[in-house]
Amino acid sequence: MKTRMKHYLLIDCSYVFFQFVIMGTFDLLTNHAYDFWEYVTNSLGIIGISIIFYFSAEMYKKYKQQKS
């Protein structure tokens, strides 16, 4: 696994954790029912989008190397 991919996943996991902590605390304070599945789908979507961006950037780099 490359270091850049590890950095992306680390950033994603920290974002997901802080989102859980901040939104969970906010919902406890405001007495709103926290929709757990909405949180899960948001987190998976964020991680999936960043993985797609990573692989598209890698493929673009390979394309530029072949072209030059």
N, C-alpha and C. Protein backbone atom coordinates (compact mmCIF):
# COMPACT_ATOMS: atom_id res chain seq x y z
N MET A 1 0.84 -1.19 0.00
CA MET A 1 0.00 0.00 0.00
C MET A 1 0.88 1.25 0.00
N LYS A 2 0.55 2.18 -0.85
CA LYS A 2 1.38 3.37 -0.93
C LYS A 2 1.05 4.33 0.22
N THR A 3 2.02 5.21 0.50
CA THR A 3 1.82 6.12 1.63
C THR A 3 0.70 7.10 1.38
N ARG A 4 0.53 7.52 0.12
CA ARG A 4 -0.52 8.49 -0.16
C ARG A 4 -1.91 7.90 0.13
N MET A 5 -2.07 6.62 -0.25
CA MET A 5 -3.34 5.95 0.03
C MET A 5 -3.57 5.84 1.53
N LYS A 6 -2.50 5.54 2.28
CA LYS A 6 -2.63 5.48 3.74
C LYS A 6 -3.03 6.83 4.30
N HIS A 7 -2.47 7.90 3.77
CA HIS A 7 -2.82 9.24 4.24
C HIS A 7 -4.29 9.53 3.95
N TYR A 8 -4.76 9.18 2.75
CA TYR A 8 -6.17 9.39 2.43
C TYR A 8 -7.08 8.64 3.39
N LEU A 9 -6.77 7.38 3.64
CA LEU A 9 -7.61 6.58 4.53
C LEU A 9 -7.56 7.11 5.96
N LEU A 10 -6.38 7.59 6.38
CA LEU A 10 -6.26 8.15 7.73
C LEU A 10 -7.11 9.40 7.86
N ILE A 11 -7.07 10.26 6.85
CA ILE A 11 -7.89 11.48 6.87
C ILE A 11 -9.37 11.12 6.89
N ASP A 12 -9.77 10.14 6.07
CA ASP A 12 -11.17 9.72 6.03
C ASP A 12 -11.62 9.18 7.37
N CYS A 13 -10.82 8.30 7.95
CA CYS A 13 -11.23 7.69 9.22
C CYS A 13 -11.31 8.73 10.32
N SER A 14 -10.38 9.68 10.34
CA SER A 14 -10.45 10.73 11.36
C SER A 14 -11.68 11.60 11.14
N TYR A 15 -12.01 11.91 9.87
CA TYR A 15 -13.21 12.69 9.59
C TYR A 15 -14.46 11.95 10.06
N VAL A 16 -14.51 10.65 9.75
CA VAL A 16 -15.67 9.85 10.14
C VAL A 16 -15.80 9.82 11.66
N PHE A 17 -14.69 9.66 12.35
CA PHE A 17 -14.72 9.62 13.81
C PHE A 17 -15.20 10.94 14.38
N PHE A 18 -14.65 12.06 13.88
CA PHE A 18 -15.06 13.35 14.41
C PHE A 18 -16.50 13.68 14.06
N GLN A 19 -16.94 13.23 12.88
CA GLN A 19 -18.34 13.43 12.53
C GLN A 19 -19.24 12.69 13.51
N PHE A 20 -18.85 11.47 13.85
CA PHE A 20 -19.63 10.68 14.79
C PHE A 20 -19.66 11.35 16.16
N VAL A 21 -18.50 11.82 16.64
CA VAL A 21 -18.43 12.44 17.96
C VAL A 21 -19.21 13.75 17.99
N ILE A 22 -18.98 14.61 16.99
CA ILE A 22 -19.61 15.93 17.00
C ILE A 22 -21.12 15.81 16.81
N MET A 23 -21.54 15.03 15.80
CA MET A 23 -22.98 14.93 15.54
C MET A 23 -23.68 14.17 16.66
N GLY A 24 -23.01 13.14 17.21
CA GLY A 24 -23.61 12.41 18.33
C GLY A 24 -23.81 13.30 19.53
N THR A 25 -22.79 14.13 19.85
CA THR A 25 -22.91 15.05 20.97
C THR A 25 -24.00 16.08 20.70
N PHE A 26 -24.05 16.61 19.49
CA PHE A 26 -25.06 17.60 19.14
C PHE A 26 -26.47 17.01 19.28
N ASP A 27 -26.63 15.78 18.80
CA ASP A 27 -27.95 15.16 18.87
C ASP A 27 -28.34 14.84 20.30
N LEU A 28 -27.37 14.49 21.14
CA LEU A 28 -27.68 14.27 22.55
C LEU A 28 -28.13 15.57 23.20
N LEU A 29 -27.46 16.67 22.83
CA LEU A 29 -27.80 17.95 23.44
C LEU A 29 -29.16 18.45 22.97
N THR A 30 -29.50 18.20 21.73
CA THR A 30 -30.76 18.72 21.20
C THR A 30 -31.90 17.70 21.28
N ASN A 31 -31.61 16.50 21.81
CA ASN A 31 -32.63 15.45 21.96
C ASN A 31 -33.23 15.00 20.64
N HIS A 32 -32.44 15.07 19.57
CA HIS A 32 -32.91 14.55 18.30
C HIS A 32 -32.52 13.09 18.19
N ALA A 33 -33.37 12.31 17.55
CA ALA A 33 -33.03 10.90 17.32
C ALA A 33 -31.95 10.85 16.24
N TYR A 34 -30.82 10.26 16.55
CA TYR A 34 -29.70 10.22 15.62
C TYR A 34 -29.86 9.04 14.68
N ASP A 35 -29.90 9.34 13.41
CA ASP A 35 -30.09 8.29 12.41
C ASP A 35 -28.74 7.63 12.12
N PHE A 36 -28.54 6.45 12.69
CA PHE A 36 -27.24 5.78 12.58
C PHE A 36 -26.95 5.38 11.15
N TRP A 37 -27.96 4.91 10.42
CA TRP A 37 -27.70 4.45 9.06
C TRP A 37 -27.36 5.60 8.12
N GLU A 38 -27.92 6.76 8.40
CA GLU A 38 -27.55 7.93 7.60
C GLU A 38 -26.07 8.26 7.81
N TYR A 39 -25.62 8.16 9.05
CA TYR A 39 -24.20 8.38 9.35
C TYR A 39 -23.32 7.35 8.63
N VAL A 40 -23.75 6.09 8.66
CA VAL A 40 -22.95 5.03 8.04
C VAL A 40 -22.85 5.25 6.53
N THR A 41 -23.97 5.57 5.88
CA THR A 41 -23.92 5.77 4.43
C THR A 41 -23.11 7.01 4.07
N ASN A 42 -23.21 8.07 4.87
CA ASN A 42 -22.38 9.26 4.62
C ASN A 42 -20.90 8.90 4.71
N SER A 43 -20.53 8.14 5.73
CA SER A 43 -19.13 7.79 5.93
C SER A 43 -18.62 6.92 4.79
N LEU A 44 -19.41 5.92 4.40
CA LEU A 44 -18.98 5.05 3.30
C LEU A 44 -18.88 5.83 2.01
N GLY A 45 -19.79 6.77 1.81
CA GLY A 45 -19.73 7.60 0.60
C GLY A 45 -18.48 8.44 0.56
N ILE A 46 -18.11 9.03 1.70
CA ILE A 46 -16.91 9.86 1.76
C ILE A 46 -15.66 9.03 1.47
N ILE A 47 -15.58 7.84 2.11
CA ILE A 47 -14.41 6.99 1.90
C ILE A 47 -14.36 6.52 0.44
N GLY A 48 -15.52 6.15 -0.12
CA GLY A 48 -15.56 5.69 -1.51
C GLY A 48 -15.15 6.76 -2.49
N ILE A 49 -15.62 7.99 -2.27
CA ILE A 49 -15.27 9.09 -3.17
C ILE A 49 -13.77 9.36 -3.14
N SER A 50 -13.17 9.35 -1.94
CA SER A 50 -11.74 9.63 -1.87
C SER A 50 -10.93 8.51 -2.51
N ILE A 51 -11.38 7.25 -2.39
CA ILE A 51 -10.66 6.15 -3.06
C ILE A 51 -10.75 6.32 -4.58
N ILE A 52 -11.93 6.72 -5.07
CA ILE A 52 -12.09 6.94 -6.51
C ILE A 52 -11.16 8.06 -6.98
N PHE A 53 -11.08 9.15 -6.21
CA PHE A 53 -10.18 10.25 -6.57
C PHE A 53 -8.73 9.78 -6.59
N TYR A 54 -8.36 8.96 -5.62
CA TYR A 54 -6.98 8.48 -5.56
C TYR A 54 -6.64 7.66 -6.80
N PHE A 55 -7.52 6.71 -7.16
CA PHE A 55 -7.20 5.85 -8.31
C PHE A 55 -7.26 6.63 -9.62
N SER A 56 -8.16 7.61 -9.72
CA SER A 56 -8.19 8.40 -10.95
C SER A 56 -6.92 9.24 -11.07
N ALA A 57 -6.40 9.76 -9.95
CA ALA A 57 -5.15 10.52 -10.00
C ALA A 57 -3.98 9.62 -10.39
N GLU A 58 -3.96 8.39 -9.86
CA GLU A 58 -2.88 7.46 -10.23
C GLU A 58 -2.94 7.11 -11.71
N MET A 59 -4.14 6.87 -12.22
CA MET A 59 -4.27 6.52 -13.64
C MET A 59 -3.88 7.71 -14.52
N TYR A 60 -4.21 8.93 -14.09
CA TYR A 60 -3.83 10.11 -14.86
C TYR A 60 -2.30 10.25 -14.89
N LYS A 61 -1.64 9.96 -13.75
CA LYS A 61 -0.18 10.03 -13.73
C LYS A 61 0.43 9.02 -14.69
N LYS A 62 -0.11 7.79 -14.71
CA LYS A 62 0.40 6.77 -15.64
C LYS A 62 0.18 7.20 -17.08
N TYR A 63 -0.97 7.82 -17.36
CA TYR A 63 -1.28 8.29 -18.70
C TYR A 63 -0.28 9.36 -19.14
N LYS A 64 0.04 10.29 -18.24
CA LYS A 64 0.99 11.35 -18.59
C LYS A 64 2.38 10.78 -18.79
N GLN A 65 2.77 9.77 -18.00
CA GLN A 65 4.09 9.17 -18.18
C GLN A 65 4.19 8.45 -19.52
N GLN A 66 3.13 7.78 -19.93
CA GLN A 66 3.15 7.09 -21.22
C GLN A 66 3.18 8.08 -22.37
N LYS A 67 2.50 9.20 -22.19
CA LYS A 67 2.40 10.18 -23.28
C LYS A 67 3.75 10.86 -23.52
N SER A 68 4.50 11.11 -22.45
CA SER A 68 5.78 11.83 -22.62
C SER A 68 6.93 10.89 -22.96
